Amino acid sequence: MNETKNMRNLPATPEATWQITFDNDSTIFIAGRDEEHARRVVENNKGFSRWRRTPECEWVTRTIKKIERVTW
């Protein structure tokens, strides 16, 4: 006999806002489930260590200094 099982997706974990501070004290805000998820979002971003403000600006290398949960 062939039994059919109902598969359900688990509910999504709520996301929080995280403030990422880089080695030059610049910051960005990322939505993530936890601190590690926010870090992965930034690190998996193409060209993570290279940033620039506008297409005319030179590329600069940045590393994460700290990650803090934002409470509004």
PDB file of N, CA and C in Angstrom:
ATOM      1  N   MET A   1       0.834  -1.171   0.000  1.00  0.00           N
ATOM      2  CA  MET A   1       0.000   0.000   0.000  1.00  0.00           C
ATOM      3  C   MET A   1       0.883   1.239   0.000  1.00  0.00           C
ATOM      4  N   ASN A   2       0.414   2.203  -0.720  1.00  0.00           N
ATOM      5  CA  ASN A   2       1.166   3.433  -0.870  1.00  0.00           C
ATOM      6  C   ASN A   2       0.510   4.536  -0.043  1.00  0.00           C
ATOM      7  N   GLU A   3       1.196   4.959   0.998  1.00  0.00           N
ATOM      8  CA  GLU A   3       0.640   6.006   1.853  1.00  0.00           C
ATOM      9  C   GLU A   3       1.187   7.360   1.427  1.00  0.00           C
ATOM     10  N   THR A   4       0.324   8.338   1.426  1.00  0.00           N
ATOM     11  CA  THR A   4       0.745   9.693   1.102  1.00  0.00           C
ATOM     12  C   THR A   4       0.874  10.478   2.395  1.00  0.00           C
ATOM     13  N   LYS A   5       2.039  11.117   2.587  1.00  0.00           N
ATOM     14  CA  LYS A   5       2.259  11.931   3.778  1.00  0.00           C
ATOM     15  C   LYS A   5       2.209  13.391   3.388  1.00  0.00           C
ATOM     16  N   ASN A   6       1.571  14.158   4.218  1.00  0.00           N
ATOM     17  CA  ASN A   6       1.534  15.601   3.984  1.00  0.00           C
ATOM     18  C   ASN A   6       2.806  16.226   4.547  1.00  0.00           C
ATOM     19  N   MET A   7       3.519  16.945   3.704  1.00  0.00           N
ATOM     20  CA  MET A   7       4.731  17.638   4.125  1.00  0.00           C
ATOM     21  C   MET A   7       4.402  19.119   4.249  1.00  0.00           C
ATOM     22  N   ARG A   8       4.797  19.694   5.353  1.00  0.00           N
ATOM     23  CA  ARG A   8       4.568  21.119   5.561  1.00  0.00           C
ATOM     24  C   ARG A   8       5.894  21.813   5.773  1.00  0.00           C
ATOM     25  N   ASN A   9       6.009  22.994   5.219  1.00  0.00           N
ATOM     26  CA  ASN A   9       7.190  23.797   5.491  1.00  0.00           C
ATOM     27  C   ASN A   9       7.083  24.358   6.900  1.00  0.00           C
ATOM     28  N   LEU A  10       8.206  24.428   7.561  1.00  0.00           N
ATOM     29  CA  LEU A  10       8.222  25.036   8.881  1.00  0.00           C
ATOM     30  C   LEU A  10       8.030  26.539   8.738  1.00  0.00           C
ATOM     31  N   PRO A  11       7.435  27.183   9.725  1.00  0.00           N
ATOM     32  CA  PRO A  11       7.267  28.633   9.627  1.00  0.00           C
ATOM     33  C   PRO A  11       8.631  29.319   9.607  1.00  0.00           C
ATOM     34  N   ALA A  12       8.690  30.415   8.890  1.00  0.00           N
ATOM     35  CA  ALA A  12       9.943  31.160   8.793  1.00  0.00           C
ATOM     36  C   ALA A  12      10.305  31.766  10.146  1.00  0.00           C
ATOM     37  N   THR A  13      11.591  31.751  10.445  1.00  0.00           N
ATOM     38  CA  THR A  13      12.066  32.389  11.662  1.00  0.00           C
ATOM     39  C   THR A  13      12.015  33.894  11.445  1.00  0.00           C
ATOM     40  N   PRO A  14      11.494  34.646  12.393  1.00  0.00           N
ATOM     41  CA  PRO A  14      11.417  36.090  12.194  1.00  0.00           C
ATOM     42  C   PRO A  14      12.807  36.713  12.075  1.00  0.00           C
ATOM     43  N   GLU A  15      12.901  37.715  11.227  1.00  0.00           N
ATOM     44  CA  GLU A  15      14.181  38.388  11.035  1.00  0.00           C
ATOM     45  C   GLU A  15      14.246  39.639  11.901  1.00  0.00           C
ATOM     46  N   ALA A  16      15.450  39.982  12.293  1.00  0.00           N
ATOM     47  CA  ALA A  16      15.718  41.208  13.048  1.00  0.00           C
ATOM     48  C   ALA A  16      16.627  42.078  12.184  1.00  0.00           C
ATOM     49  N   THR A  17      16.803  43.311  12.597  1.00  0.00           N
ATOM     50  CA  THR A  17      17.720  44.210  11.898  1.00  0.00           C
ATOM     51  C   THR A  17      19.049  44.206  12.637  1.00  0.00           C
ATOM     52  N   TRP A  18      20.129  44.071  11.879  1.00  0.00           N
ATOM     53  CA  TRP A  18      21.484  44.015  12.437  1.00  0.00           C
ATOM     54  C   TRP A  18      22.312  45.143  11.860  1.00  0.00           C
ATOM     55  N   GLN A  19      23.077  45.795  12.709  1.00  0.00           N
ATOM     56  CA  GLN A  19      23.985  46.846  12.262  1.00  0.00           C
ATOM     57  C   GLN A  19      25.374  46.236  12.151  1.00  0.00           C
ATOM     58  N   ILE A  20      25.938  46.287  10.950  1.00  0.00           N
ATOM     59  CA  ILE A  20      27.273  45.758  10.688  1.00  0.00           C
ATOM     60  C   ILE A  20      28.235  46.940  10.662  1.00  0.00           C
ATOM     61  N   THR A  21      29.253  46.905  11.513  1.00  0.00           N
ATOM     62  CA  THR A  21      30.263  47.958  11.544  1.00  0.00           C
ATOM     63  C   THR A  21      31.553  47.391  10.961  1.00  0.00           C
ATOM     64  N   PHE A  22      32.143  48.141  10.057  1.00  0.00           N
ATOM     65  CA  PHE A  22      33.377  47.712   9.397  1.00  0.00           C
ATOM     66  C   PHE A  22      34.595  48.354  10.048  1.00  0.00           C
ATOM     67  N   ASP A  23      35.770  47.925   9.619  1.00  0.00           N
ATOM     68  CA  ASP A  23      37.020  48.384  10.212  1.00  0.00           C
ATOM     69  C   ASP A  23      37.252  49.890  10.080  1.00  0.00           C
ATOM     70  N   ASN A  24      36.563  50.566   9.179  1.00  0.00           N
ATOM     71  CA  ASN A  24      36.713  52.025   9.050  1.00  0.00           C
ATOM     72  C   ASN A  24      35.570  52.763   9.750  1.00  0.00           C
ATOM     73  N   ASP A  25      34.812  52.029  10.587  1.00  0.00           N
ATOM     74  CA  ASP A  25      33.673  52.542  11.349  1.00  0.00           C
ATOM     75  C   ASP A  25      32.478  52.927  10.486  1.00  0.00           C
ATOM     76  N   SER A  26      32.439  52.527   9.233  1.00  0.00           N
ATOM     77  CA  SER A  26      31.234  52.706   8.421  1.00  0.00           C
ATOM     78  C   SER A  26      30.263  51.591   8.801  1.00  0.00           C
ATOM     79  N   THR A  27      28.969  51.813   8.560  1.00  0.00           N
ATOM     80  CA  THR A  27      27.963  50.836   8.953  1.00  0.00           C
ATOM     81  C   THR A  27      26.953  50.604   7.836  1.00  0.00           C
ATOM     82  N   ILE A  28      26.357  49.418   7.867  1.00  0.00           N
ATOM     83  CA  ILE A  28      25.217  49.087   7.017  1.00  0.00           C
ATOM     84  C   ILE A  28      24.216  48.345   7.892  1.00  0.00           C
ATOM     85  N   PHE A  29      22.978  48.250   7.419  1.00  0.00           N
ATOM     86  CA  PHE A  29      21.939  47.521   8.128  1.00  0.00           C
ATOM     87  C   PHE A  29      21.513  46.332   7.279  1.00  0.00           C
ATOM     88  N   ILE A  30      21.379  45.175   7.930  1.00  0.00           N
ATOM     89  CA  ILE A  30      21.036  43.929   7.263  1.00  0.00           C
ATOM     90  C   ILE A  30      19.889  43.264   8.031  1.00  0.00           C
ATOM     91  N   ALA A  31      18.936  42.686   7.315  1.00  0.00           N
ATOM     92  CA  ALA A  31      17.901  41.875   7.949  1.00  0.00           C
ATOM     93  C   ALA A  31      18.397  40.435   8.004  1.00  0.00           C
ATOM     94  N   GLY A  32      18.312  39.826   9.175  1.00  0.00           N
ATOM     95  CA  GLY A  32      18.760  38.449   9.322  1.00  0.00           C
ATOM     96  C   GLY A  32      18.102  37.782  10.518  1.00  0.00           C
ATOM     97  N   ARG A  33      18.089  36.449  10.509  1.00  0.00           N
ATOM     98  CA  ARG A  33      17.456  35.702  11.597  1.00  0.00           C
ATOM     99  C   ARG A  33      18.266  35.765  12.886  1.00  0.00           C
ATOM    100  N   ASP A  34      19.593  35.767  12.755  1.00  0.00           N
ATOM    101  CA  ASP A  34      20.468  35.861  13.917  1.00  0.00           C
ATOM    102  C   ASP A  34      21.787  36.484  13.463  1.00  0.00           C
ATOM    103  N   GLU A  35      22.714  36.643  14.388  1.00  0.00           N
ATOM    104  CA  GLU A  35      23.983  37.306  14.067  1.00  0.00           C
ATOM    105  C   GLU A  35      24.748  36.564  12.966  1.00  0.00           C
ATOM    106  N   GLU A  36      24.796  35.255  13.056  1.00  0.00           N
ATOM    107  CA  GLU A  36      25.518  34.474  12.043  1.00  0.00           C
ATOM    108  C   GLU A  36      24.866  34.590  10.667  1.00  0.00           C
ATOM    109  N   HIS A  37      23.533  34.644  10.630  1.00  0.00           N
ATOM    110  CA  HIS A  37      22.843  34.802   9.354  1.00  0.00           C
ATOM    111  C   HIS A  37      23.171  36.166   8.749  1.00  0.00           C
ATOM    112  N   ALA A  38      23.181  37.224   9.577  1.00  0.00           N
ATOM    113  CA  ALA A  38      23.534  38.561   9.084  1.00  0.00           C
ATOM    114  C   ALA A  38      24.966  38.572   8.541  1.00  0.00           C
ATOM    115  N   ARG A  39      25.875  37.894   9.229  1.00  0.00           N
ATOM    116  CA  ARG A  39      27.267  37.816   8.767  1.00  0.00           C
ATOM    117  C   ARG A  39      27.343  37.109   7.414  1.00  0.00           C
ATOM    118  N   ARG A  40      26.592  35.993   7.275  1.00  0.00           N
ATOM    119  CA  ARG A  40      26.613  35.264   6.005  1.00  0.00           C
ATOM    120  C   ARG A  40      26.055  36.102   4.867  1.00  0.00           C
ATOM    121  N   VAL A  41      25.004  36.890   5.150  1.00  0.00           N
ATOM    122  CA  VAL A  41      24.432  37.755   4.109  1.00  0.00           C
ATOM    123  C   VAL A  41      25.508  38.701   3.578  1.00  0.00           C
ATOM    124  N   VAL A  42      26.262  39.301   4.487  1.00  0.00           N
ATOM    125  CA  VAL A  42      27.321  40.236   4.075  1.00  0.00           C
ATOM    126  C   VAL A  42      28.458  39.487   3.391  1.00  0.00           C
ATOM    127  N   GLU A  43      28.928  38.402   3.987  1.00  0.00           N
ATOM    128  CA  GLU A  43      30.069  37.675   3.437  1.00  0.00           C
ATOM    129  C   GLU A  43      29.759  36.999   2.113  1.00  0.00           C
ATOM    130  N   ASN A  44      28.503  36.572   1.904  1.00  0.00           N
ATOM    131  CA  ASN A  44      28.151  35.917   0.649  1.00  0.00           C
ATOM    132  C   ASN A  44      27.805  36.909  -0.447  1.00  0.00           C
ATOM    133  N   ASN A  45      27.759  38.186  -0.093  1.00  0.00           N
ATOM    134  CA  ASN A  45      27.537  39.228  -1.082  1.00  0.00           C
ATOM    135  C   ASN A  45      28.728  39.237  -2.032  1.00  0.00           C
ATOM    136  N   LYS A  46      28.461  39.269  -3.316  1.00  0.00           N
ATOM    137  CA  LYS A  46      29.556  39.241  -4.292  1.00  0.00           C
ATOM    138  C   LYS A  46      30.507  40.404  -4.021  1.00  0.00           C
ATOM    139  N   GLY A  47      31.776  40.093  -3.912  1.00  0.00           N
ATOM    140  CA  GLY A  47      32.763  41.131  -3.643  1.00  0.00           C
ATOM    141  C   GLY A  47      32.704  41.653  -2.220  1.00  0.00           C
ATOM    142  N   PHE A  48      32.395  40.768  -1.269  1.00  0.00           N
ATOM    143  CA  PHE A  48      32.185  41.149   0.127  1.00  0.00           C
ATOM    144  C   PHE A  48      33.258  42.084   0.665  1.00  0.00           C
ATOM    145  N   SER A  49      34.501  41.783   0.446  1.00  0.00           N
ATOM    146  CA  SER A  49      35.560  42.579   1.063  1.00  0.00           C
ATOM    147  C   SER A  49      35.858  43.858   0.286  1.00  0.00           C
ATOM    148  N   ARG A  50      35.214  44.023  -0.858  1.00  0.00           N
ATOM    149  CA  ARG A  50      35.453  45.224  -1.662  1.00  0.00           C
ATOM    150  C   ARG A  50      34.179  46.053  -1.741  1.00  0.00           C
ATOM    151  N   TRP A  51      34.293  47.318  -1.378  1.00  0.00           N
ATOM    152  CA  TRP A  51      33.145  48.216  -1.349  1.00  0.00           C
ATOM    153  C   TRP A  51      33.509  49.514  -2.041  1.00  0.00           C
ATOM    154  N   ARG A  52      32.499  50.173  -2.559  1.00  0.00           N
ATOM    155  CA  ARG A  52      32.669  51.534  -3.050  1.00  0.00           C
ATOM    156  C   ARG A  52      31.336  52.257  -2.973  1.00  0.00           C
ATOM    157  N   ARG A  53      31.413  53.552  -2.770  1.00  0.00           N
ATOM    158  CA  ARG A  53      30.205  54.356  -2.575  1.00  0.00           C
ATOM    159  C   ARG A  53      29.453  54.581  -3.879  1.00  0.00           C
ATOM    160  N   THR A  54      30.160  54.880  -4.953  1.00  0.00           N
ATOM    161  CA  THR A  54      29.555  55.116  -6.265  1.00  0.00           C
ATOM    162  C   THR A  54      30.406  54.424  -7.318  1.00  0.00           C
ATOM    163  N   PRO A  55      29.894  54.243  -8.519  1.00  0.00           N
ATOM    164  CA  PRO A  55      30.700  53.613  -9.575  1.00  0.00           C
ATOM    165  C   PRO A  55      31.973  54.393  -9.907  1.00  0.00           C
ATOM    166  N   GLU A  56      31.989  55.680  -9.603  1.00  0.00           N
ATOM    167  CA  GLU A  56      33.180  56.487  -9.887  1.00  0.00           C
ATOM    168  C   GLU A  56      34.254  56.349  -8.811  1.00  0.00           C
ATOM    169  N   CYS A  57      33.885  55.875  -7.634  1.00  0.00           N
ATOM    170  CA  CYS A  57      34.831  55.754  -6.520  1.00  0.00           C
ATOM    171  C   CYS A  57      35.732  54.533  -6.702  1.00  0.00           C
ATOM    172  N   GLU A  58      36.892  54.598  -6.088  1.00  0.00           N
ATOM    173  CA  GLU A  58      37.814  53.461  -6.079  1.00  0.00           C
ATOM    174  C   GLU A  58      37.286  52.377  -5.138  1.00  0.00           C
ATOM    175  N   TRP A  59      37.606  51.115  -5.460  1.00  0.00           N
ATOM    176  CA  TRP A  59      37.252  50.007  -4.587  1.00  0.00           C
ATOM    177  C   TRP A  59      38.131  50.052  -3.343  1.00  0.00           C
ATOM    178  N   VAL A  60      37.554  49.768  -2.174  1.00  0.00           N
ATOM    179  CA  VAL A  60      38.310  49.675  -0.931  1.00  0.00           C
ATOM    180  C   VAL A  60      37.967  48.348  -0.260  1.00  0.00           C
ATOM    181  N   THR A  61      38.901  47.814   0.493  1.00  0.00           N
ATOM    182  CA  THR A  61      38.696  46.546   1.186  1.00  0.00           C
ATOM    183  C   THR A  61      38.236  46.822   2.613  1.00  0.00           C
ATOM    184  N   ARG A  62      37.197  46.113   3.053  1.00  0.00           N
ATOM    185  CA  ARG A  62      36.649  46.271   4.396  1.00  0.00           C
ATOM    186  C   ARG A  62      36.485  44.908   5.056  1.00  0.00           C
ATOM    187  N   THR A  63      36.660  44.895   6.371  1.00  0.00           N
ATOM    188  CA  THR A  63      36.393  43.689   7.147  1.00  0.00           C
ATOM    189  C   THR A  63      35.389  44.041   8.245  1.00  0.00           C
ATOM    190  N   ILE A  64      34.639  43.046   8.693  1.00  0.00           N
ATOM    191  CA  ILE A  64      33.634  43.265   9.729  1.00  0.00           C
ATOM    192  C   ILE A  64      34.325  43.451  11.074  1.00  0.00           C
ATOM    193  N   LYS A  65      33.975  44.528  11.752  1.00  0.00           N
ATOM    194  CA  LYS A  65      34.508  44.824  13.079  1.00  0.00           C
ATOM    195  C   LYS A  65      33.562  44.304  14.159  1.00  0.00           C
ATOM    196  N   LYS A  66      32.257  44.580  13.997  1.00  0.00           N
ATOM    197  CA  LYS A  66      31.271  44.073  14.969  1.00  0.00           C
ATOM    198  C   LYS A  66      29.886  44.018  14.330  1.00  0.00           C
ATOM    199  N   ILE A  67      29.039  43.197  14.947  1.00  0.00           N
ATOM    200  CA  ILE A  67      27.643  43.043  14.512  1.00  0.00           C
ATOM    201  C   ILE A  67      26.777  43.212  15.743  1.00  0.00           C
ATOM    202  N   GLU A  68      25.794  44.129  15.664  1.00  0.00           N
ATOM    203  CA  GLU A  68      24.921  44.391  16.792  1.00  0.00           C
ATOM    204  C   GLU A  68      23.467  44.341  16.350  1.00  0.00           C
ATOM    205  N   ARG A  69      22.617  43.779  17.188  1.00  0.00           N
ATOM    206  CA  ARG A  69      21.187  43.769  16.911  1.00  0.00           C
ATOM    207  C   ARG A  69      20.626  45.161  17.165  1.00  0.00           C
ATOM    208  N   VAL A  70      19.819  45.644  16.233  1.00  0.00           N
ATOM    209  CA  VAL A  70      19.247  46.978  16.373  1.00  0.00           C
ATOM    210  C   VAL A  70      17.914  46.873  17.091  1.00  0.00           C
ATOM    211  N   THR A  71      17.759  47.674  18.134  1.00  0.00           N
ATOM    212  CA  THR A  71      16.478  47.773  18.826  1.00  0.00           C
ATOM    213  C   THR A  71      15.999  49.203  18.663  1.00  0.00           C
ATOM    214  N   TRP A  72      14.912  49.373  17.954  1.00  0.00           N
ATOM    215  CA  TRP A  72      14.421  50.721  17.664  1.00  0.00           C
ATOM    216  C   TRP A  72      13.671  51.262  18.812  1.00  0.00           C
TER     217      TRP A  72
END
